Amino acid sequence: MSKKSVLALSLVLAVAAVQANTSDTLKKIKDSGAVTMGVRESSGALSFTLGDGKFAGYHVEVCDKVLRVVQKQLGLTQLTVRYQPVTSQNRIPLVQNGNVDIECGSTTNNATRQKDVAFAVTTFVEEVRIAVKANSGITSINQLNGKTVATTTGTTSVQTLRRHERANGVDFKEILGKDHADSFLLLESGRADAFVMDSQILAGAIAKSKKPSDFKIVGETLSVEPIAIVFRKDDPAFKKAVDDAIVGLMKSGELAKMYDKWFVQPIPPTQTSLNLPASVATKAAWASPNDKPMEDYAKK
């Protein structure tokens, strides 16, 4: 074997060793006494920033509960949880490369993403809708012809809108925000006529706006999407630990109480309620825990 071949083989083995280490998340957590949680800064009541490096929301609290179960399972007297803000664009790569151990934001479980990462059992089922200014006169997809539609970089909402049967022949311009707060600002400032996104993210942005009555969520449901916690692929031990902890929260009724806390009751920073009771689809996911992708929901 040539010197060049030996070097190439060494590099391959080194990469394989790194991948093996990062895919054994429980060992990584036990050895380091720490875990990195991916969080979103403006993903509605699922995950948002309180400032000063603090984060809150339904999925942040779910992950906190899960990680305490993992801590007990590993026999750790202390577990340091580090928050790593992620975006729609970088959340999957950061999980894949080991910088984030568990992503607790607003990620849709779909077949394409399942090729790159693993998903926990579904904890929230979302409907994609359209937010507009209350005085816009827009109430349906077919009224978006000639309009500017905002969505967030790295999400699939506008593609979902274009695929909808009611969007046939509707010609609109797409404009991208770097995150959900930026996308809502495009609508708020008049640079966009509509903002297409998960309904709870829209509701959260409206609730936190200067004058919530200036906005409304309208139109047809564009898609139904299972939202779940994300971690690396090919790590069955960690997936089992996460899934078991979440199923425990489902069976005890604690998950439903957490949902009510974040989606029905007033939440920080403005103590405004989103008034979004759990949907039939979300309750069904709690009753029959599964990690099915959104494509399975579309078959119904």
C-alpha atoms as a PDB file:
ATOM      1  CA  MET A   1       0.000   0.000   0.000  1.00  0.00           C
ATOM      2  CA  SER A   2       1.398   3.395  -0.978  1.00  0.00           C
ATOM      3  CA  LYS A   3       2.074   6.204   1.470  1.00  0.00           C
ATOM      4  CA  LYS A   4      -0.768   8.170  -0.137  1.00  0.00           C
ATOM      5  CA  SER A   5      -3.193   5.249   0.337  1.00  0.00           C
ATOM      6  CA  VAL A   6      -2.177   4.812   3.974  1.00  0.00           C
ATOM      7  CA  LEU A   7      -2.836   8.517   4.613  1.00  0.00           C
ATOM      8  CA  ALA A   8      -6.231   8.309   2.889  1.00  0.00           C
ATOM      9  CA  LEU A   9      -7.185   5.236   4.929  1.00  0.00           C
ATOM     10  CA  SER A  10      -6.104   6.975   8.146  1.00  0.00           C
ATOM     11  CA  LEU A  11      -8.326   9.941   7.344  1.00  0.00           C
ATOM     12  CA  VAL A  12     -11.292   7.662   6.626  1.00  0.00           C
ATOM     13  CA  LEU A  13     -10.778   5.817   9.922  1.00  0.00           C
ATOM     14  CA  ALA A  14     -10.447   9.112  11.811  1.00  0.00           C
ATOM     15  CA  VAL A  15     -13.708  10.435  10.369  1.00  0.00           C
ATOM     16  CA  ALA A  16     -15.420   7.124  11.171  1.00  0.00           C
ATOM     17  CA  ALA A  17     -14.172   7.325  14.753  1.00  0.00           C
ATOM     18  CA  VAL A  18     -15.541  10.868  15.167  1.00  0.00           C
ATOM     19  CA  GLN A  19     -18.903   9.807  13.723  1.00  0.00           C
ATOM     20  CA  ALA A  20     -19.022   6.783  16.048  1.00  0.00           C
ATOM     21  CA  ASN A  21     -18.322   8.980  19.070  1.00  0.00           C
ATOM     22  CA  THR A  22     -20.967  11.588  18.216  1.00  0.00           C
ATOM     23  CA  SER A  23     -23.587   8.952  17.413  1.00  0.00           C
ATOM     24  CA  ASP A  24     -23.295   7.502  20.934  1.00  0.00           C
ATOM     25  CA  THR A  25     -24.971  10.487  22.548  1.00  0.00           C
ATOM     26  CA  LEU A  26     -25.555   8.858  25.938  1.00  0.00           C
ATOM     27  CA  LYS A  27     -21.820   8.096  26.263  1.00  0.00           C
ATOM     28  CA  LYS A  28     -20.963  11.624  25.134  1.00  0.00           C
ATOM     29  CA  ILE A  29     -23.285  13.088  27.787  1.00  0.00           C
ATOM     30  CA  LYS A  30     -22.026  10.775  30.542  1.00  0.00           C
ATOM     31  CA  ASP A  31     -18.354  11.410  29.773  1.00  0.00           C
ATOM     32  CA  SER A  32     -18.738  15.195  29.583  1.00  0.00           C
ATOM     33  CA  GLY A  33     -21.513  15.774  32.125  1.00  0.00           C
ATOM     34  CA  ALA A  34     -23.004  18.189  29.608  1.00  0.00           C
ATOM     35  CA  VAL A  35     -25.476  18.290  26.743  1.00  0.00           C
ATOM     36  CA  THR A  36     -26.111  20.897  24.046  1.00  0.00           C
ATOM     37  CA  MET A  37     -29.734  21.766  23.326  1.00  0.00           C
ATOM     38  CA  GLY A  38     -30.586  23.458  20.023  1.00  0.00           C
ATOM     39  CA  VAL A  39     -33.172  26.193  20.602  1.00  0.00           C
ATOM     40  CA  ARG A  40     -34.961  28.743  18.435  1.00  0.00           C
ATOM     41  CA  GLU A  41     -35.117  32.455  19.156  1.00  0.00           C
ATOM     42  CA  SER A  42     -38.570  33.101  17.648  1.00  0.00           C
ATOM     43  CA  SER A  43     -40.460  29.845  17.031  1.00  0.00           C
ATOM     44  CA  GLY A  44     -43.682  30.901  18.690  1.00  0.00           C
ATOM     45  CA  ALA A  45     -44.542  29.133  21.937  1.00  0.00           C
ATOM     46  CA  LEU A  46     -42.435  26.111  20.973  1.00  0.00           C
ATOM     47  CA  SER A  47     -39.080  27.802  21.554  1.00  0.00           C
ATOM     48  CA  PHE A  48     -38.157  31.448  22.032  1.00  0.00           C
ATOM     49  CA  THR A  49     -35.594  33.683  23.707  1.00  0.00           C
ATOM     50  CA  LEU A  50     -36.172  35.615  26.908  1.00  0.00           C
ATOM     51  CA  GLY A  51     -32.879  37.454  26.452  1.00  0.00           C
ATOM     52  CA  ASP A  52     -29.623  37.124  28.402  1.00  0.00           C
ATOM     53  CA  GLY A  53     -29.071  33.600  27.080  1.00  0.00           C
ATOM     54  CA  LYS A  54     -32.360  32.306  28.512  1.00  0.00           C
ATOM     55  CA  PHE A  55     -34.869  30.312  26.454  1.00  0.00           C
ATOM     56  CA  ALA A  56     -38.383  29.084  27.079  1.00  0.00           C
ATOM     57  CA  GLY A  57     -41.301  27.368  25.388  1.00  0.00           C
ATOM     58  CA  TYR A  58     -43.133  24.075  25.101  1.00  0.00           C
ATOM     59  CA  HIS A  59     -40.341  22.138  23.405  1.00  0.00           C
ATOM     60  CA  VAL A  60     -37.658  23.696  25.598  1.00  0.00           C
ATOM     61  CA  GLU A  61     -39.531  22.511  28.690  1.00  0.00           C
ATOM     62  CA  VAL A  62     -40.172  19.064  27.176  1.00  0.00           C
ATOM     63  CA  CYS A  63     -36.456  18.684  26.444  1.00  0.00           C
ATOM     64  CA  ASP A  64     -35.536  19.865  29.945  1.00  0.00           C
ATOM     65  CA  LYS A  65     -37.790  17.122  31.389  1.00  0.00           C
ATOM     66  CA  VAL A  66     -36.352  14.517  28.991  1.00  0.00           C
ATOM     67  CA  LEU A  67     -32.774  15.430  29.859  1.00  0.00           C
ATOM     68  CA  ARG A  68     -33.467  15.117  33.593  1.00  0.00           C
ATOM     69  CA  VAL A  69     -34.694  11.577  32.928  1.00  0.00           C
ATOM     70  CA  VAL A  70     -31.508  10.898  30.925  1.00  0.00           C
ATOM     71  CA  GLN A  71     -29.407  12.360  33.760  1.00  0.00           C
ATOM     72  CA  LYS A  72     -31.020   9.959  36.231  1.00  0.00           C
ATOM     73  CA  GLN A  73     -30.632   7.039  33.817  1.00  0.00           C
ATOM     74  CA  LEU A  74     -26.891   7.771  33.480  1.00  0.00           C
ATOM     75  CA  GLY A  75     -26.430   8.196  37.237  1.00  0.00           C
ATOM     76  CA  LEU A  76     -25.124  11.746  36.907  1.00  0.00           C
ATOM     77  CA  THR A  77     -25.357  13.937  40.001  1.00  0.00           C
ATOM     78  CA  GLN A  78     -25.167  17.012  37.777  1.00  0.00           C
ATOM     79  CA  LEU A  79     -25.900  17.708  34.102  1.00  0.00           C
ATOM     80  CA  THR A  80     -24.978  20.993  32.448  1.00  0.00           C
ATOM     81  CA  VAL A  81     -27.414  22.006  29.705  1.00  0.00           C
ATOM     82  CA  ARG A  82     -25.949  24.406  27.155  1.00  0.00           C
ATOM     83  CA  TYR A  83     -28.336  26.327  24.887  1.00  0.00           C
ATOM     84  CA  GLN A  84     -27.290  26.717  21.254  1.00  0.00           C
ATOM     85  CA  PRO A  85     -29.486  29.041  19.151  1.00  0.00           C
ATOM     86  CA  VAL A  86     -30.184  27.496  15.744  1.00  0.00           C
ATOM     87  CA  THR A  87     -31.985  28.642  12.608  1.00  0.00           C
ATOM     88  CA  SER A  88     -34.121  26.916   9.990  1.00  0.00           C
ATOM     89  CA  GLN A  89     -31.033  26.734   7.779  1.00  0.00           C
ATOM     90  CA  ASN A  90     -28.421  25.355  10.189  1.00  0.00           C
ATOM     91  CA  ARG A  91     -30.422  23.202  12.648  1.00  0.00           C
ATOM     92  CA  ILE A  92     -30.000  19.919  10.717  1.00  0.00           C
ATOM     93  CA  PRO A  93     -26.252  20.347   9.959  1.00  0.00           C
ATOM     94  CA  LEU A  94     -25.528  21.284  13.599  1.00  0.00           C
ATOM     95  CA  VAL A  95     -27.216  18.099  14.797  1.00  0.00           C
ATOM     96  CA  GLN A  96     -25.396  16.017  12.190  1.00  0.00           C
ATOM     97  CA  ASN A  97     -21.936  17.371  13.019  1.00  0.00           C
ATOM     98  CA  GLY A  98     -22.333  16.910  16.777  1.00  0.00           C
ATOM     99  CA  ASN A  99     -22.474  20.579  17.793  1.00  0.00           C
ATOM    100  CA  VAL A 100     -26.090  20.090  18.919  1.00  0.00           C
ATOM    101  CA  ASP A 101     -27.155  16.914  20.722  1.00  0.00           C
ATOM    102  CA  ILE A 102     -30.902  17.497  20.826  1.00  0.00           C
ATOM    103  CA  GLU A 103     -32.803  20.129  18.815  1.00  0.00           C
ATOM    104  CA  CYS A 104     -35.867  21.473  20.591  1.00  0.00           C
ATOM    105  CA  GLY A 105     -37.446  23.935  18.206  1.00  0.00           C
ATOM    106  CA  SER A 106     -40.122  23.728  15.547  1.00  0.00           C
ATOM    107  CA  THR A 107     -38.829  21.143  13.080  1.00  0.00           C
ATOM    108  CA  THR A 108     -41.275  19.293  10.840  1.00  0.00           C
ATOM    109  CA  ASN A 109     -40.703  15.566  10.603  1.00  0.00           C
ATOM    110  CA  ASN A 110     -40.648  14.723   6.886  1.00  0.00           C
ATOM    111  CA  ALA A 111     -39.228  11.937   4.739  1.00  0.00           C
ATOM    112  CA  THR A 112     -36.374  14.049   3.365  1.00  0.00           C
ATOM    113  CA  ARG A 113     -35.129  15.086   6.806  1.00  0.00           C
ATOM    114  CA  GLN A 114     -35.408  11.517   8.083  1.00  0.00           C
ATOM    115  CA  LYS A 115     -32.531  10.690   5.721  1.00  0.00           C
ATOM    116  CA  ASP A 116     -30.285  13.068   7.673  1.00  0.00           C
ATOM    117  CA  VAL A 117     -31.506  13.040  11.294  1.00  0.00           C
ATOM    118  CA  ALA A 118     -33.786  11.114  13.633  1.00  0.00           C
ATOM    119  CA  PHE A 119     -37.012  12.358  15.198  1.00  0.00           C
ATOM    120  CA  ALA A 120     -38.578  11.637  18.552  1.00  0.00           C
ATOM    121  CA  VAL A 121     -42.254  10.749  18.777  1.00  0.00           C
ATOM    122  CA  THR A 122     -44.468  13.628  17.669  1.00  0.00           C
ATOM    123  CA  THR A 123     -45.313  16.129  20.394  1.00  0.00           C
ATOM    124  CA  PHE A 124     -47.197  18.714  18.326  1.00  0.00           C
ATOM    125  CA  VAL A 125     -49.136  18.582  15.048  1.00  0.00           C
ATOM    126  CA  GLU A 126     -49.122  21.882  13.188  1.00  0.00           C
ATOM    127  CA  GLU A 127     -51.264  23.480  10.518  1.00  0.00           C
ATOM    128  CA  VAL A 128     -49.600  25.830   8.029  1.00  0.00           C
ATOM    129  CA  ARG A 129     -51.706  28.976   7.477  1.00  0.00           C
ATOM    130  CA  ILE A 130     -51.407  32.576   6.242  1.00  0.00           C
ATOM    131  CA  ALA A 131     -51.133  35.743   8.357  1.00  0.00           C
ATOM    132  CA  VAL A 132     -52.163  39.083   6.852  1.00  0.00           C
ATOM    133  CA  LYS A 133     -53.003  42.585   8.016  1.00  0.00           C
ATOM    134  CA  ALA A 134     -56.592  42.688   9.223  1.00  0.00           C
ATOM    135  CA  ASN A 135     -57.482  45.450   6.772  1.00  0.00           C
ATOM    136  CA  SER A 136     -55.879  43.759   3.751  1.00  0.00           C
ATOM    137  CA  GLY A 137     -59.066  42.156   2.498  1.00  0.00           C
ATOM    138  CA  ILE A 138     -57.155  38.888   1.931  1.00  0.00           C
ATOM    139  CA  THR A 139     -59.075  35.840   3.139  1.00  0.00           C
ATOM    140  CA  SER A 140     -57.947  33.085   0.744  1.00  0.00           C
ATOM    141  CA  ILE A 141     -55.002  31.757  -1.259  1.00  0.00           C
ATOM    142  CA  ASN A 142     -56.438  32.893  -4.601  1.00  0.00           C
ATOM    143  CA  GLN A 143     -56.294  36.509  -3.403  1.00  0.00           C
ATOM    144  CA  LEU A 144     -52.492  36.359  -3.219  1.00  0.00           C
ATOM    145  CA  ASN A 145     -52.164  36.838  -6.989  1.00  0.00           C
ATOM    146  CA  GLY A 146     -49.713  39.681  -7.630  1.00  0.00           C
ATOM    147  CA  LYS A 147     -48.885  39.929  -3.922  1.00  0.00           C
ATOM    148  CA  THR A 148     -45.627  39.503  -1.996  1.00  0.00           C
ATOM    149  CA  VAL A 149     -45.529  36.545   0.374  1.00  0.00           C
ATOM    150  CA  ALA A 150     -42.975  36.259   3.186  1.00  0.00           C
ATOM    151  CA  THR A 151     -41.628  33.090   4.731  1.00  0.00           C
ATOM    152  CA  THR A 152     -38.487  32.095   6.619  1.00  0.00           C
ATOM    153  CA  THR A 153     -35.268  30.905   4.978  1.00  0.00           C
ATOM    154  CA  GLY A 154     -34.825  27.137   5.314  1.00  0.00           C
ATOM    155  CA  THR A 155     -38.532  26.332   5.737  1.00  0.00           C
ATOM    156  CA  THR A 156     -40.916  24.653   3.320  1.00  0.00           C
ATOM    157  CA  SER A 157     -43.991  26.841   3.771  1.00  0.00           C
ATOM    158  CA  VAL A 158     -43.972  28.684   0.427  1.00  0.00           C
ATOM    159  CA  GLN A 159     -43.359  25.436  -1.481  1.00  0.00           C
ATOM    160  CA  THR A 160     -46.343  24.023   0.397  1.00  0.00           C
ATOM    161  CA  LEU A 161     -48.394  27.066  -0.622  1.00  0.00           C
ATOM    162  CA  ARG A 162     -47.411  26.693  -4.283  1.00  0.00           C
ATOM    163  CA  ARG A 163     -48.399  23.018  -4.261  1.00  0.00           C
ATOM    164  CA  HIS A 164     -51.858  23.690  -2.833  1.00  0.00           C
ATOM    165  CA  GLU A 165     -54.692  23.079  -5.302  1.00  0.00           C
ATOM    166  CA  ARG A 166     -56.148  26.528  -4.628  1.00  0.00           C
ATOM    167  CA  ALA A 167     -52.830  28.131  -5.650  1.00  0.00           C
ATOM    168  CA  ASN A 168     -53.170  26.950  -9.253  1.00  0.00           C
ATOM    169  CA  GLY A 169     -52.665  29.987 -11.494  1.00  0.00           C
ATOM    170  CA  VAL A 170     -51.834  32.260  -8.541  1.00  0.00           C
ATOM    171  CA  ASP A 171     -48.657  34.265  -9.231  1.00  0.00           C
ATOM    172  CA  PHE A 172     -46.984  35.836  -6.194  1.00  0.00           C
ATOM    173  CA  LYS A 173     -43.503  37.054  -5.296  1.00  0.00           C
ATOM    174  CA  GLU A 174     -41.580  35.320  -2.515  1.00  0.00           C
ATOM    175  CA  ILE A 175     -39.490  37.242   0.023  1.00  0.00           C
ATOM    176  CA  LEU A 176     -37.405  35.569   2.735  1.00  0.00           C
ATOM    177  CA  GLY A 177     -36.803  36.549   6.363  1.00  0.00           C
ATOM    178  CA  LYS A 178     -33.696  35.264   8.129  1.00  0.00           C
ATOM    179  CA  ASP A 179     -35.849  34.008  11.030  1.00  0.00           C
ATOM    180  CA  HIS A 180     -39.527  34.040  11.983  1.00  0.00           C
ATOM    181  CA  ALA A 181     -39.298  37.417  13.719  1.00  0.00           C
ATOM    182  CA  ASP A 182     -37.731  38.924  10.611  1.00  0.00           C
ATOM    183  CA  SER A 183     -40.424  37.373   8.386  1.00  0.00           C
ATOM    184  CA  PHE A 184     -43.187  38.850  10.545  1.00  0.00           C
ATOM    185  CA  LEU A 185     -41.438  42.229  10.392  1.00  0.00           C
ATOM    186  CA  LEU A 186     -41.706  42.034   6.579  1.00  0.00           C
ATOM    187  CA  LEU A 187     -45.491  41.750   6.987  1.00  0.00           C
ATOM    188  CA  GLU A 188     -45.681  44.327   9.772  1.00  0.00           C
ATOM    189  CA  SER A 189     -43.678  46.907   7.807  1.00  0.00           C
ATOM    190  CA  GLY A 190     -45.720  46.424   4.633  1.00  0.00           C
ATOM    191  CA  ARG A 191     -42.880  44.891   2.601  1.00  0.00           C
ATOM    192  CA  ALA A 192     -44.943  41.693   2.393  1.00  0.00           C
ATOM    193  CA  ASP A 193     -48.698  41.244   2.005  1.00  0.00           C
ATOM    194  CA  ALA A 194     -48.773  37.868   3.758  1.00  0.00           C
ATOM    195  CA  PHE A 195     -46.611  35.634   5.951  1.00  0.00           C
ATOM    196  CA  VAL A 196     -46.959  31.872   5.421  1.00  0.00           C
ATOM    197  CA  MET A 197     -45.872  29.691   8.344  1.00  0.00           C
ATOM    198  CA  ASP A 198     -46.987  27.308  11.103  1.00  0.00           C
ATOM    199  CA  SER A 199     -50.131  28.699  12.715  1.00  0.00           C
ATOM    200  CA  GLN A 200     -48.696  28.714  16.260  1.00  0.00           C
ATOM    201  CA  ILE A 201     -45.666  30.688  15.070  1.00  0.00           C
ATOM    202  CA  LEU A 202     -48.013  33.161  13.361  1.00  0.00           C
ATOM    203  CA  ALA A 203     -50.175  33.372  16.481  1.00  0.00           C
ATOM    204  CA  GLY A 204     -47.113  33.936  18.656  1.00  0.00           C
ATOM    205  CA  ALA A 205     -45.772  36.704  16.416  1.00  0.00           C
ATOM    206  CA  ILE A 206     -49.162  38.418  16.345  1.00  0.00           C
ATOM    207  CA  ALA A 207     -49.563  38.140  20.132  1.00  0.00           C
ATOM    208  CA  LYS A 208     -46.173  39.801  20.672  1.00  0.00           C
ATOM    209  CA  SER A 209     -46.747  42.585  18.118  1.00  0.00           C
ATOM    210  CA  LYS A 210     -47.423  46.197  19.119  1.00  0.00           C
ATOM    211  CA  LYS A 211     -51.085  45.923  18.121  1.00  0.00           C
ATOM    212  CA  PRO A 212     -52.296  42.300  17.706  1.00  0.00           C
ATOM    213  CA  SER A 213     -55.710  43.416  16.408  1.00  0.00           C
ATOM    214  CA  ASP A 214     -53.964  44.703  13.257  1.00  0.00           C
ATOM    215  CA  PHE A 215     -53.346  41.118  12.095  1.00  0.00           C
ATOM    216  CA  LYS A 216     -55.278  37.928  11.523  1.00  0.00           C
ATOM    217  CA  ILE A 217     -54.705  34.338  10.397  1.00  0.00           C
ATOM    218  CA  VAL A 218     -56.745  33.489   7.304  1.00  0.00           C
ATOM    219  CA  GLY A 219     -57.256  31.079   4.455  1.00  0.00           C
ATOM    220  CA  GLU A 220     -57.175  27.376   3.947  1.00  0.00           C
ATOM    221  CA  THR A 221     -54.982  24.964   5.901  1.00  0.00           C
ATOM    222  CA  LEU A 222     -52.041  24.441   3.563  1.00  0.00           C
ATOM    223  CA  SER A 223     -50.669  21.339   5.230  1.00  0.00           C
ATOM    224  CA  VAL A 224     -50.726  19.318   8.445  1.00  0.00           C
ATOM    225  CA  GLU A 225     -47.224  18.724   9.800  1.00  0.00           C
ATOM    226  CA  PRO A 226     -45.936  16.662  12.736  1.00  0.00           C
ATOM    227  CA  ILE A 227     -43.402  18.665  14.782  1.00  0.00           C
ATOM    228  CA  ALA A 228     -40.860  16.767  16.849  1.00  0.00           C
ATOM    229  CA  ILE A 229     -37.592  16.914  18.747  1.00  0.00           C
ATOM    230  CA  VAL A 230     -34.514  16.072  16.654  1.00  0.00           C
ATOM    231  CA  PHE A 231     -31.248  14.216  17.281  1.00  0.00           C
ATOM    232  CA  ARG A 232     -28.628  12.285  15.342  1.00  0.00           C
ATOM    233  CA  LYS A 233     -29.440   9.233  13.241  1.00  0.00           C
ATOM    234  CA  ASP A 234     -28.301   5.711  14.003  1.00  0.00           C
ATOM    235  CA  ASP A 235     -28.333   6.197  17.773  1.00  0.00           C
ATOM    236  CA  PRO A 236     -31.076   3.796  18.927  1.00  0.00           C
ATOM    237  CA  ALA A 237     -30.144   3.998  22.617  1.00  0.00           C
ATOM    238  CA  PHE A 238     -30.565   7.770  22.743  1.00  0.00           C
ATOM    239  CA  LYS A 239     -33.765   7.651  20.675  1.00  0.00           C
ATOM    240  CA  LYS A 240     -35.220   5.081  23.074  1.00  0.00           C
ATOM    241  CA  ALA A 241     -34.277   7.197  26.084  1.00  0.00           C
ATOM    242  CA  VAL A 242     -35.882  10.321  24.578  1.00  0.00           C
ATOM    243  CA  ASP A 243     -38.983   8.523  23.303  1.00  0.00           C
ATOM    244  CA  ASP A 244     -39.532   6.678  26.597  1.00  0.00           C
ATOM    245  CA  ALA A 245     -39.311   9.934  28.546  1.00  0.00           C
ATOM    246  CA  ILE A 246     -41.777  11.698  26.224  1.00  0.00           C
ATOM    247  CA  VAL A 247     -44.221   8.782  26.230  1.00  0.00           C
ATOM    248  CA  GLY A 248     -44.065   8.888  30.025  1.00  0.00           C
ATOM    249  CA  LEU A 249     -45.064  12.571  29.921  1.00  0.00           C
ATOM    250  CA  MET A 250     -47.921  11.693  27.554  1.00  0.00           C
ATOM    251  CA  LYS A 251     -49.268   8.876  29.720  1.00  0.00           C
ATOM    252  CA  SER A 252     -49.078  10.870  32.948  1.00  0.00           C
ATOM    253  CA  GLY A 253     -50.947  13.812  31.413  1.00  0.00           C
ATOM    254  CA  GLU A 254     -47.993  16.113  32.124  1.00  0.00           C
ATOM    255  CA  LEU A 255     -47.402  16.800  28.416  1.00  0.00           C
ATOM    256  CA  ALA A 256     -50.997  18.033  28.022  1.00  0.00           C
ATOM    257  CA  LYS A 257     -50.501  20.334  31.030  1.00  0.00           C
ATOM    258  CA  MET A 258     -47.297  21.720  29.495  1.00  0.00           C
ATOM    259  CA  TYR A 259     -49.100  22.303  26.214  1.00  0.00           C
ATOM    260  CA  ASP A 260     -51.851  24.223  28.030  1.00  0.00           C
ATOM    261  CA  LYS A 261     -49.209  26.266  29.876  1.00  0.00           C
ATOM    262  CA  TRP A 262     -47.593  27.479  26.655  1.00  0.00           C
ATOM    263  CA  PHE A 263     -50.447  27.599  24.149  1.00  0.00           C
ATOM    264  CA  VAL A 264     -53.524  28.506  26.206  1.00  0.00           C
ATOM    265  CA  GLN A 265     -52.318  30.367  29.307  1.00  0.00           C
ATOM    266  CA  PRO A 266     -50.560  33.775  29.200  1.00  0.00           C
ATOM    267  CA  ILE A 267     -46.854  33.421  28.444  1.00  0.00           C
ATOM    268  CA  PRO A 268     -43.811  35.693  28.748  1.00  0.00           C
ATOM    269  CA  PRO A 269     -42.521  38.160  27.878  1.00  0.00           C
ATOM    270  CA  THR A 270     -45.827  40.040  27.360  1.00  0.00           C
ATOM    271  CA  GLN A 271     -48.082  37.634  29.311  1.00  0.00           C
ATOM    272  CA  THR A 272     -50.292  37.269  26.236  1.00  0.00           C
ATOM    273  CA  SER A 273     -52.216  34.077  25.487  1.00  0.00           C
ATOM    274  CA  LEU A 274     -52.099  32.405  22.062  1.00  0.00           C
ATOM    275  CA  ASN A 275     -55.473  30.745  22.747  1.00  0.00           C
ATOM    276  CA  LEU A 276     -54.546  27.633  20.747  1.00  0.00           C
ATOM    277  CA  PRO A 277     -56.040  24.542  22.448  1.00  0.00           C
ATOM    278  CA  ALA A 278     -54.544  21.217  21.375  1.00  0.00           C
ATOM    279  CA  SER A 279     -55.955  20.089  18.035  1.00  0.00           C
ATOM    280  CA  VAL A 280     -57.584  16.720  17.394  1.00  0.00           C
ATOM    281  CA  ALA A 281     -54.456  15.681  15.451  1.00  0.00           C
ATOM    282  CA  THR A 282     -52.132  16.639  18.320  1.00  0.00           C
ATOM    283  CA  LYS A 283     -54.244  14.742  20.860  1.00  0.00           C
ATOM    284  CA  ALA A 284     -54.229  11.708  18.534  1.00  0.00           C
ATOM    285  CA  ALA A 285     -50.414  11.823  18.414  1.00  0.00           C
ATOM    286  CA  TRP A 286     -50.310  11.805  22.218  1.00  0.00           C
ATOM    287  CA  ALA A 287     -52.766   8.902  22.412  1.00  0.00           C
ATOM    288  CA  SER A 288     -50.818   6.789  19.887  1.00  0.00           C
ATOM    289  CA  PRO A 289     -47.141   7.846  20.065  1.00  0.00           C
ATOM    290  CA  ASN A 290     -45.354   7.631  16.714  1.00  0.00           C
ATOM    291  CA  ASP A 291     -42.599   9.238  14.648  1.00  0.00           C
ATOM    292  CA  LYS A 292     -44.371   9.157  11.283  1.00  0.00           C
ATOM    293  CA  PRO A 293     -43.350  11.839   8.753  1.00  0.00           C
ATOM    294  CA  MET A 294     -45.756  14.422   7.331  1.00  0.00           C
ATOM    295  CA  GLU A 295     -46.123  12.393   4.151  1.00  0.00           C
ATOM    296  CA  ASP A 296     -48.110   9.827   6.161  1.00  0.00           C
ATOM    297  CA  TYR A 297     -50.523  12.558   7.264  1.00  0.00           C
ATOM    298  CA  ALA A 298     -51.022  13.630   3.642  1.00  0.00           C
ATOM    299  CA  LYS A 299     -52.181  10.101   2.737  1.00  0.00           C
ATOM    300  CA  LYS A 300     -55.227  10.378   4.970  1.00  0.00           C
END
